[in-house]
Amino acid sequence: MGTSLFDLTGKVALVTGSSRGIGRAIAEAMADQGARVVISSRKLEACRTAAERINTAHGAGTALAHSANIGSKEELRALVDATRAAFGRIDVLVCNAASNPHYGPMAGITDDQFRKIFENNVLANHWLIQMVAPEMLERRDGSIIIISSIGGLTASTVIGAYNVSKAADFQLARNLALEYGPSGVRVNCIAPGLVRTDFARALWENPDTLKAVTAHTAMRRIGEPDEIAGAAVYLASRASAFTTGQAIIVDGGATIGAGL
């Protein structure tokens, strides 16, 4: 056991959607704390680039690159199997990958788009957790982290279906926290506000949209990917040993209300 509450030495973390953005920041931060990490996204070359950066900083074998499409149960199973083959175990699962194929009012969303949002943002998380949880339950130790969004707490005229899926992630975490709690396995969510990532580009690249969002945010700016990573390190480490079923909001004060 390390001297720091946040020490992750000896832990193995599997992070989806980690070749860039919030996922990559989380993987790098966990590696900084001593964890071995698995980098995964759809594109293998991007995964390799992210893993190489971590291996250069922390030594060969710290990071493994493995591509997987979260919409494919078979590819997720292969991802989990590859992680165990390389590192022998999974101590931390970060369900970060998500999709949002529709930008605009929900009246214009197609059935296929709605279905894809729920399959990738909720069902894929369920699949991964079901694949990884048994070994955690057997060891009576483990941390599962779902990257949700403050969108799950608020309404929107442009990302409504995405927000509904993120609200479902909150409940997924609460239900599983109750089921897994007696065995010492914790399940929590992180709810970022608007962060400067490629995924959220449609929301921050437009100056008018950016101004509207930041005008009601206490810190008057959007977040950066590495500003979400600290919450993930907390939830992965023994610092959060008594934290489960919760949603940690990291939004610069966007949801506290803009009073006079």
C-alpha atoms as a PDB file:
ATOM      1  CA  MET A   1       0.000   0.000   0.000  1.00  0.00           C
ATOM      2  CA  GLY A   2       1.412   3.359  -0.971  1.00  0.00           C
ATOM      3  CA  THR A   3       1.711   6.300   1.368  1.00  0.00           C
ATOM      4  CA  SER A   4      -0.608   8.440  -0.743  1.00  0.00           C
ATOM      5  CA  LEU A   5      -4.368   8.037  -0.647  1.00  0.00           C
ATOM      6  CA  PHE A   6      -4.266   8.450  -4.415  1.00  0.00           C
ATOM      7  CA  ASP A   7      -1.524   5.907  -5.114  1.00  0.00           C
ATOM      8  CA  LEU A   8      -2.493   3.399  -7.836  1.00  0.00           C
ATOM      9  CA  THR A   9       0.687   1.346  -7.872  1.00  0.00           C
ATOM     10  CA  GLY A  10      -0.065  -2.241  -8.823  1.00  0.00           C
ATOM     11  CA  LYS A  11      -3.526  -1.406 -10.188  1.00  0.00           C
ATOM     12  CA  VAL A  12      -4.684  -2.061 -13.750  1.00  0.00           C
ATOM     13  CA  ALA A  13      -7.110   0.412 -15.323  1.00  0.00           C
ATOM     14  CA  LEU A  14      -9.090  -0.185 -18.496  1.00  0.00           C
ATOM     15  CA  VAL A  15     -10.252   3.117 -20.002  1.00  0.00           C
ATOM     16  CA  THR A  16     -12.509   3.239 -23.070  1.00  0.00           C
ATOM     17  CA  GLY A  17     -12.410   6.164 -25.468  1.00  0.00           C
ATOM     18  CA  SER A  18      -8.913   6.920 -24.213  1.00  0.00           C
ATOM     19  CA  SER A  19      -6.951   7.751 -27.353  1.00  0.00           C
ATOM     20  CA  ARG A  20      -7.889  11.422 -26.928  1.00  0.00           C
ATOM     21  CA  GLY A  21      -9.852  13.918 -24.850  1.00  0.00           C
ATOM     22  CA  ILE A  22     -11.105  13.128 -21.367  1.00  0.00           C
ATOM     23  CA  GLY A  23     -10.342   9.415 -21.635  1.00  0.00           C
ATOM     24  CA  ARG A  24      -6.731  10.027 -22.582  1.00  0.00           C
ATOM     25  CA  ALA A  25      -6.308  12.550 -19.757  1.00  0.00           C
ATOM     26  CA  ILE A  26      -7.701   9.998 -17.293  1.00  0.00           C
ATOM     27  CA  ALA A  27      -5.398   7.230 -18.523  1.00  0.00           C
ATOM     28  CA  GLU A  28      -2.358   9.502 -18.310  1.00  0.00           C
ATOM     29  CA  ALA A  29      -3.288  10.682 -14.809  1.00  0.00           C
ATOM     30  CA  MET A  30      -3.748   7.110 -13.584  1.00  0.00           C
ATOM     31  CA  ALA A  31      -0.390   6.133 -15.071  1.00  0.00           C
ATOM     32  CA  ASP A  32       1.135   9.113 -13.247  1.00  0.00           C
ATOM     33  CA  GLN A  33      -0.134   7.543 -10.012  1.00  0.00           C
ATOM     34  CA  GLY A  34       1.454   4.183 -10.786  1.00  0.00           C
ATOM     35  CA  ALA A  35      -1.295   2.276 -12.608  1.00  0.00           C
ATOM     36  CA  ARG A  36      -0.870   0.209 -15.740  1.00  0.00           C
ATOM     37  CA  VAL A  37      -3.459   1.307 -18.254  1.00  0.00           C
ATOM     38  CA  VAL A  38      -5.217   0.018 -21.340  1.00  0.00           C
ATOM     39  CA  ILE A  39      -5.874   2.566 -24.079  1.00  0.00           C
ATOM     40  CA  SER A  40      -8.892   1.777 -26.239  1.00  0.00           C
ATOM     41  CA  SER A  41     -10.870   3.458 -28.986  1.00  0.00           C
ATOM     42  CA  ARG A  42     -12.024   2.518 -32.479  1.00  0.00           C
ATOM     43  CA  LYS A  43      -8.751   3.435 -34.219  1.00  0.00           C
ATOM     44  CA  LEU A  44      -5.740   1.302 -33.315  1.00  0.00           C
ATOM     45  CA  GLU A  45      -3.146   3.789 -34.554  1.00  0.00           C
ATOM     46  CA  ALA A  46      -4.563   6.511 -32.297  1.00  0.00           C
ATOM     47  CA  CYS A  47      -4.487   4.067 -29.382  1.00  0.00           C
ATOM     48  CA  ARG A  48      -0.867   3.227 -30.106  1.00  0.00           C
ATOM     49  CA  THR A  49       0.099   6.893 -30.189  1.00  0.00           C
ATOM     50  CA  ALA A  50      -1.510   7.530 -26.798  1.00  0.00           C
ATOM     51  CA  ALA A  51       0.011   4.369 -25.294  1.00  0.00           C
ATOM     52  CA  GLU A  52       3.462   5.226 -26.642  1.00  0.00           C
ATOM     53  CA  ARG A  53       3.332   8.584 -24.897  1.00  0.00           C
ATOM     54  CA  ILE A  54       2.570   6.900 -21.574  1.00  0.00           C
ATOM     55  CA  ASN A  55       5.213   4.211 -22.076  1.00  0.00           C
ATOM     56  CA  THR A  56       7.800   6.865 -22.882  1.00  0.00           C
ATOM     57  CA  ALA A  57       6.968   8.718 -19.685  1.00  0.00           C
ATOM     58  CA  HIS A  58       6.629   5.723 -17.347  1.00  0.00           C
ATOM     59  CA  GLY A  59       8.439   2.808 -18.953  1.00  0.00           C
ATOM     60  CA  ALA A  60       7.639   0.110 -21.483  1.00  0.00           C
ATOM     61  CA  GLY A  61       4.703  -2.054 -20.510  1.00  0.00           C
ATOM     62  CA  THR A  62       2.854   0.642 -18.603  1.00  0.00           C
ATOM     63  CA  ALA A  63       0.236   1.084 -21.325  1.00  0.00           C
ATOM     64  CA  LEU A  64      -1.380  -1.342 -23.744  1.00  0.00           C
ATOM     65  CA  ALA A  65      -3.146  -0.250 -26.943  1.00  0.00           C
ATOM     66  CA  HIS A  66      -6.185  -2.238 -28.071  1.00  0.00           C
ATOM     67  CA  SER A  67      -8.869  -1.009 -30.455  1.00  0.00           C
ATOM     68  CA  ALA A  68     -12.548  -1.787 -29.902  1.00  0.00           C
ATOM     69  CA  ASN A  69     -15.887  -0.498 -31.097  1.00  0.00           C
ATOM     70  CA  ILE A  70     -18.130  -0.083 -28.048  1.00  0.00           C
ATOM     71  CA  GLY A  71     -21.122  -0.996 -30.194  1.00  0.00           C
ATOM     72  CA  SER A  72     -19.767  -4.519 -30.622  1.00  0.00           C
ATOM     73  CA  LYS A  73     -20.131  -6.907 -27.678  1.00  0.00           C
ATOM     74  CA  GLU A  74     -17.615  -9.230 -29.306  1.00  0.00           C
ATOM     75  CA  GLU A  75     -14.994  -6.491 -29.601  1.00  0.00           C
ATOM     76  CA  LEU A  76     -15.535  -5.461 -25.991  1.00  0.00           C
ATOM     77  CA  ARG A  77     -15.061  -9.067 -24.896  1.00  0.00           C
ATOM     78  CA  ALA A  78     -11.815  -9.192 -26.891  1.00  0.00           C
ATOM     79  CA  LEU A  79     -10.720  -5.954 -25.199  1.00  0.00           C
ATOM     80  CA  VAL A  80     -11.317  -7.386 -21.731  1.00  0.00           C
ATOM     81  CA  ASP A  81      -9.584 -10.643 -22.661  1.00  0.00           C
ATOM     82  CA  ALA A  82      -6.569  -8.760 -24.041  1.00  0.00           C
ATOM     83  CA  THR A  83      -6.319  -6.705 -20.858  1.00  0.00           C
ATOM     84  CA  ARG A  84      -6.292  -9.809 -18.684  1.00  0.00           C
ATOM     85  CA  ALA A  85      -3.809 -11.532 -20.980  1.00  0.00           C
ATOM     86  CA  ALA A  86      -1.404  -8.593 -20.751  1.00  0.00           C
ATOM     87  CA  PHE A  87      -1.823  -7.558 -17.117  1.00  0.00           C
ATOM     88  CA  GLY A  88      -3.566 -10.454 -15.397  1.00  0.00           C
ATOM     89  CA  ARG A  89      -6.402  -8.479 -13.853  1.00  0.00           C
ATOM     90  CA  ILE A  90      -8.622  -5.394 -14.034  1.00  0.00           C
ATOM     91  CA  ASP A  91      -8.903  -3.248 -10.907  1.00  0.00           C
ATOM     92  CA  VAL A  92     -10.440  -0.135 -12.414  1.00  0.00           C
ATOM     93  CA  LEU A  93     -12.898   0.169 -15.290  1.00  0.00           C
ATOM     94  CA  VAL A  94     -13.576   3.597 -16.772  1.00  0.00           C
ATOM     95  CA  CYS A  95     -16.534   3.642 -19.171  1.00  0.00           C
ATOM     96  CA  ASN A  96     -15.748   6.849 -20.999  1.00  0.00           C
ATOM     97  CA  ALA A  97     -16.494   6.190 -24.684  1.00  0.00           C
ATOM     98  CA  ALA A  98     -19.834   7.516 -25.930  1.00  0.00           C
ATOM     99  CA  SER A  99     -21.515   8.775 -29.078  1.00  0.00           C
ATOM    100  CA  ASN A 100     -23.988  11.433 -30.117  1.00  0.00           C
ATOM    101  CA  PRO A 101     -24.940  11.200 -33.805  1.00  0.00           C
ATOM    102  CA  HIS A 102     -27.712  13.820 -33.605  1.00  0.00           C
ATOM    103  CA  TYR A 103     -27.350  17.547 -32.914  1.00  0.00           C
ATOM    104  CA  GLY A 104     -30.656  19.384 -32.844  1.00  0.00           C
ATOM    105  CA  PRO A 105     -34.195  19.078 -31.431  1.00  0.00           C
ATOM    106  CA  MET A 106     -35.351  15.585 -30.553  1.00  0.00           C
ATOM    107  CA  ALA A 107     -38.194  15.974 -33.044  1.00  0.00           C
ATOM    108  CA  GLY A 108     -35.643  15.447 -35.801  1.00  0.00           C
ATOM    109  CA  ILE A 109     -33.859  12.395 -34.453  1.00  0.00           C
ATOM    110  CA  THR A 110     -34.207   9.115 -36.312  1.00  0.00           C
ATOM    111  CA  ASP A 111     -34.889   5.795 -34.625  1.00  0.00           C
ATOM    112  CA  ASP A 112     -31.453   4.547 -35.641  1.00  0.00           C
ATOM    113  CA  GLN A 113     -29.765   7.587 -34.106  1.00  0.00           C
ATOM    114  CA  PHE A 114     -31.725   7.249 -30.868  1.00  0.00           C
ATOM    115  CA  ARG A 115     -30.949   3.545 -30.722  1.00  0.00           C
ATOM    116  CA  LYS A 116     -27.234   4.115 -31.343  1.00  0.00           C
ATOM    117  CA  ILE A 117     -27.051   6.662 -28.532  1.00  0.00           C
ATOM    118  CA  PHE A 118     -28.540   4.242 -26.032  1.00  0.00           C
ATOM    119  CA  GLU A 119     -26.593   1.238 -27.258  1.00  0.00           C
ATOM    120  CA  ASN A 120     -23.246   3.052 -27.071  1.00  0.00           C
ATOM    121  CA  ASN A 121     -23.844   5.218 -23.992  1.00  0.00           C
ATOM    122  CA  VAL A 122     -25.768   2.806 -21.760  1.00  0.00           C
ATOM    123  CA  LEU A 123     -25.883  -0.760 -23.078  1.00  0.00           C
ATOM    124  CA  ALA A 124     -22.142  -0.851 -23.882  1.00  0.00           C
ATOM    125  CA  ASN A 125     -21.395   0.263 -20.309  1.00  0.00           C
ATOM    126  CA  HIS A 126     -23.636  -2.508 -19.016  1.00  0.00           C
ATOM    127  CA  TRP A 127     -21.828  -5.059 -21.197  1.00  0.00           C
ATOM    128  CA  LEU A 128     -18.380  -4.000 -20.069  1.00  0.00           C
ATOM    129  CA  ILE A 129     -19.331  -3.929 -16.414  1.00  0.00           C
ATOM    130  CA  GLN A 130     -20.854  -7.401 -16.670  1.00  0.00           C
ATOM    131  CA  MET A 131     -17.601  -8.653 -18.195  1.00  0.00           C
ATOM    132  CA  VAL A 132     -15.313  -7.055 -15.630  1.00  0.00           C
ATOM    133  CA  ALA A 133     -17.290  -7.092 -12.373  1.00  0.00           C
ATOM    134  CA  PRO A 134     -17.094 -10.835 -11.581  1.00  0.00           C
ATOM    135  CA  GLU A 135     -13.353 -10.759 -10.878  1.00  0.00           C
ATOM    136  CA  MET A 136     -13.754  -7.612  -8.770  1.00  0.00           C
ATOM    137  CA  LEU A 137     -16.559  -9.217  -6.776  1.00  0.00           C
ATOM    138  CA  GLU A 138     -14.436 -12.309  -6.228  1.00  0.00           C
ATOM    139  CA  ARG A 139     -11.526 -10.187  -4.934  1.00  0.00           C
ATOM    140  CA  ARG A 140     -13.975  -7.996  -2.990  1.00  0.00           C
ATOM    141  CA  ASP A 141     -12.294  -4.912  -4.392  1.00  0.00           C
ATOM    142  CA  GLY A 142     -12.622  -2.755  -7.480  1.00  0.00           C
ATOM    143  CA  SER A 143     -13.779   0.576  -8.846  1.00  0.00           C
ATOM    144  CA  ILE A 144     -16.098   1.143 -11.798  1.00  0.00           C
ATOM    145  CA  ILE A 145     -16.338   4.704 -13.120  1.00  0.00           C
ATOM    146  CA  ILE A 146     -18.900   5.830 -15.683  1.00  0.00           C
ATOM    147  CA  ILE A 147     -18.267   9.155 -17.391  1.00  0.00           C
ATOM    148  CA  SER A 148     -21.736  10.652 -17.580  1.00  0.00           C
ATOM    149  CA  SER A 149     -22.436  14.378 -18.082  1.00  0.00           C
ATOM    150  CA  ILE A 150     -24.210  17.299 -16.473  1.00  0.00           C
ATOM    151  CA  GLY A 151     -26.487  16.831 -19.470  1.00  0.00           C
ATOM    152  CA  GLY A 152     -28.037  14.017 -17.450  1.00  0.00           C
ATOM    153  CA  LEU A 153     -29.144  16.672 -14.949  1.00  0.00           C
ATOM    154  CA  THR A 154     -30.284  19.384 -17.336  1.00  0.00           C
ATOM    155  CA  ALA A 155     -32.367  19.866 -20.472  1.00  0.00           C
ATOM    156  CA  SER A 156     -31.189  20.806 -23.941  1.00  0.00           C
ATOM    157  CA  THR A 157     -32.729  21.699 -27.285  1.00  0.00           C
ATOM    158  CA  VAL A 158     -29.753  20.301 -29.220  1.00  0.00           C
ATOM    159  CA  ILE A 159     -28.474  17.192 -27.365  1.00  0.00           C
ATOM    160  CA  GLY A 160     -31.677  15.931 -25.770  1.00  0.00           C
ATOM    161  CA  ALA A 161     -31.347  12.210 -26.498  1.00  0.00           C
ATOM    162  CA  TYR A 162     -27.707  12.257 -25.389  1.00  0.00           C
ATOM    163  CA  ASN A 163     -28.825  13.843 -22.117  1.00  0.00           C
ATOM    164  CA  VAL A 164     -31.451  11.153 -21.601  1.00  0.00           C
ATOM    165  CA  SER A 165     -28.777   8.478 -22.045  1.00  0.00           C
ATOM    166  CA  LYS A 166     -26.501  10.198 -19.547  1.00  0.00           C
ATOM    167  CA  ALA A 167     -29.313  10.351 -17.007  1.00  0.00           C
ATOM    168  CA  ALA A 168     -29.654   6.591 -17.464  1.00  0.00           C
ATOM    169  CA  ASP A 169     -25.950   6.207 -16.649  1.00  0.00           C
ATOM    170  CA  PHE A 170     -26.535   7.835 -13.256  1.00  0.00           C
ATOM    171  CA  GLN A 171     -29.176   5.241 -12.453  1.00  0.00           C
ATOM    172  CA  LEU A 172     -27.022   2.419 -13.793  1.00  0.00           C
ATOM    173  CA  ALA A 173     -24.319   3.417 -11.314  1.00  0.00           C
ATOM    174  CA  ARG A 174     -26.756   3.699  -8.420  1.00  0.00           C
ATOM    175  CA  ASN A 175     -28.310   0.291  -9.059  1.00  0.00           C
ATOM    176  CA  LEU A 176     -24.982  -1.471  -9.479  1.00  0.00           C
ATOM    177  CA  ALA A 177     -23.519   0.278  -6.427  1.00  0.00           C
ATOM    178  CA  LEU A 178     -26.297  -1.255  -4.369  1.00  0.00           C
ATOM    179  CA  GLU A 179     -25.794  -4.697  -5.888  1.00  0.00           C
ATOM    180  CA  TYR A 180     -21.995  -4.716  -5.635  1.00  0.00           C
ATOM    181  CA  GLY A 181     -21.539  -2.774  -2.389  1.00  0.00           C
ATOM    182  CA  PRO A 182     -21.655  -5.788  -0.049  1.00  0.00           C
ATOM    183  CA  SER A 183     -18.665  -7.213  -1.944  1.00  0.00           C
ATOM    184  CA  GLY A 184     -16.630  -4.029  -1.685  1.00  0.00           C
ATOM    185  CA  VAL A 185     -16.913  -3.001  -5.334  1.00  0.00           C
ATOM    186  CA  ARG A 186     -17.724   0.654  -5.910  1.00  0.00           C
ATOM    187  CA  VAL A 187     -19.603   2.169  -8.877  1.00  0.00           C
ATOM    188  CA  ASN A 188     -19.683   5.917  -9.441  1.00  0.00           C
ATOM    189  CA  CYS A 189     -20.207   8.534 -12.140  1.00  0.00           C
ATOM    190  CA  ILE A 190     -18.340  11.661 -13.103  1.00  0.00           C
ATOM    191  CA  ALA A 191     -20.501  14.367 -14.649  1.00  0.00           C
ATOM    192  CA  PRO A 192     -18.341  16.822 -16.588  1.00  0.00           C
ATOM    193  CA  GLY A 193     -19.617  20.126 -17.800  1.00  0.00           C
ATOM    194  CA  LEU A 194     -18.618  21.397 -21.220  1.00  0.00           C
ATOM    195  CA  VAL A 195     -15.002  20.379 -21.877  1.00  0.00           C
ATOM    196  CA  ARG A 196     -12.757  21.329 -24.784  1.00  0.00           C
ATOM    197  CA  THR A 197     -12.725  17.994 -26.622  1.00  0.00           C
ATOM    198  CA  ASP A 198     -13.307  16.994 -30.223  1.00  0.00           C
ATOM    199  CA  PHE A 199     -16.432  15.140 -29.100  1.00  0.00           C
ATOM    200  CA  ALA A 200     -17.991  18.369 -27.777  1.00  0.00           C
ATOM    201  CA  ARG A 201     -16.676  20.589 -30.565  1.00  0.00           C
ATOM    202  CA  ALA A 202     -20.176  21.476 -31.828  1.00  0.00           C
ATOM    203  CA  LEU A 203     -20.920  23.048 -28.444  1.00  0.00           C
ATOM    204  CA  TRP A 204     -17.777  25.114 -27.905  1.00  0.00           C
ATOM    205  CA  GLU A 205     -16.517  25.930 -31.405  1.00  0.00           C
ATOM    206  CA  ASN A 206     -19.494  28.203 -32.153  1.00  0.00           C
ATOM    207  CA  PRO A 207     -18.736  31.545 -30.420  1.00  0.00           C
ATOM    208  CA  ASP A 208     -22.402  32.258 -29.702  1.00  0.00           C
ATOM    209  CA  THR A 209     -22.966  28.853 -28.105  1.00  0.00           C
ATOM    210  CA  LEU A 210     -19.749  29.161 -26.110  1.00  0.00           C
ATOM    211  CA  LYS A 211     -20.735  32.606 -24.849  1.00  0.00           C
ATOM    212  CA  ALA A 212     -24.182  31.387 -23.841  1.00  0.00           C
ATOM    213  CA  VAL A 213     -22.728  28.446 -21.896  1.00  0.00           C
ATOM    214  CA  THR A 214     -19.987  30.335 -20.097  1.00  0.00           C
ATOM    215  CA  ALA A 215     -22.254  33.260 -19.190  1.00  0.00           C
ATOM    216  CA  HIS A 216     -24.026  30.974 -16.706  1.00  0.00           C
ATOM    217  CA  THR A 217     -20.940  29.147 -15.477  1.00  0.00           C
ATOM    218  CA  ALA A 218     -19.410  30.387 -12.221  1.00  0.00           C
ATOM    219  CA  MET A 219     -15.845  30.185 -13.568  1.00  0.00           C
ATOM    220  CA  ARG A 220     -16.883  31.818 -16.869  1.00  0.00           C
ATOM    221  CA  ARG A 221     -15.034  29.256 -18.984  1.00  0.00           C
ATOM    222  CA  ILE A 222     -15.263  25.673 -20.178  1.00  0.00           C
ATOM    223  CA  GLY A 223     -13.110  22.874 -18.852  1.00  0.00           C
ATOM    224  CA  GLU A 224     -10.011  21.138 -20.158  1.00  0.00           C
ATOM    225  CA  PRO A 225      -9.676  17.328 -20.316  1.00  0.00           C
ATOM    226  CA  ASP A 226      -7.055  17.101 -17.578  1.00  0.00           C
ATOM    227  CA  GLU A 227      -9.398  18.928 -15.199  1.00  0.00           C
ATOM    228  CA  ILE A 228     -11.680  15.877 -15.213  1.00  0.00           C
ATOM    229  CA  ALA A 229      -8.876  13.383 -14.604  1.00  0.00           C
ATOM    230  CA  GLY A 230      -8.422  14.207 -10.919  1.00  0.00           C
ATOM    231  CA  ALA A 231     -11.928  13.070 -10.082  1.00  0.00           C
ATOM    232  CA  ALA A 232     -11.250   9.760 -11.840  1.00  0.00           C
ATOM    233  CA  VAL A 233      -8.020   9.227  -9.898  1.00  0.00           C
ATOM    234  CA  TYR A 234      -9.931   9.894  -6.680  1.00  0.00           C
ATOM    235  CA  LEU A 235     -12.621   7.350  -7.562  1.00  0.00           C
ATOM    236  CA  ALA A 236     -10.030   4.755  -8.602  1.00  0.00           C
ATOM    237  CA  SER A 237      -7.981   5.087  -5.431  1.00  0.00           C
ATOM    238  CA  ARG A 238      -8.452   4.262  -1.758  1.00  0.00           C
ATOM    239  CA  ALA A 239      -9.159   7.948  -1.176  1.00  0.00           C
ATOM    240  CA  SER A 240     -12.725   7.104  -2.239  1.00  0.00           C
ATOM    241  CA  ALA A 241     -13.016   3.827  -0.314  1.00  0.00           C
ATOM    242  CA  PHE A 242     -16.384   4.862   1.168  1.00  0.00           C
ATOM    243  CA  THR A 243     -17.782   6.526  -1.957  1.00  0.00           C
ATOM    244  CA  THR A 244     -20.226   4.616  -4.136  1.00  0.00           C
ATOM    245  CA  GLY A 245     -23.387   5.247  -6.127  1.00  0.00           C
ATOM    246  CA  GLN A 246     -22.492   8.904  -6.499  1.00  0.00           C
ATOM    247  CA  ALA A 247     -22.193  11.445  -9.303  1.00  0.00           C
ATOM    248  CA  ILE A 248     -19.267  13.837  -8.943  1.00  0.00           C
ATOM    249  CA  ILE A 249     -20.037  17.021 -10.856  1.00  0.00           C
ATOM    250  CA  VAL A 250     -17.002  18.724 -12.407  1.00  0.00           C
ATOM    251  CA  ASP A 251     -18.439  21.654 -14.336  1.00  0.00           C
ATOM    252  CA  GLY A 252     -16.877  24.920 -13.212  1.00  0.00           C
ATOM    253  CA  GLY A 253     -20.122  25.791 -11.473  1.00  0.00           C
ATOM    254  CA  ALA A 254     -22.408  25.479 -14.487  1.00  0.00           C
ATOM    255  CA  THR A 255     -25.163  23.723 -12.537  1.00  0.00           C
ATOM    256  CA  ILE A 256     -25.217  25.793  -9.348  1.00  0.00           C
ATOM    257  CA  GLY A 257     -27.477  28.467 -10.817  1.00  0.00           C
ATOM    258  CA  ALA A 258     -26.554  31.962 -11.976  1.00  0.00           C
ATOM    259  CA  GLY A 259     -27.830  34.206  -9.207  1.00  0.00           C
ATOM    260  CA  LEU A 260     -27.590  37.984  -9.020  1.00  0.00           C
END
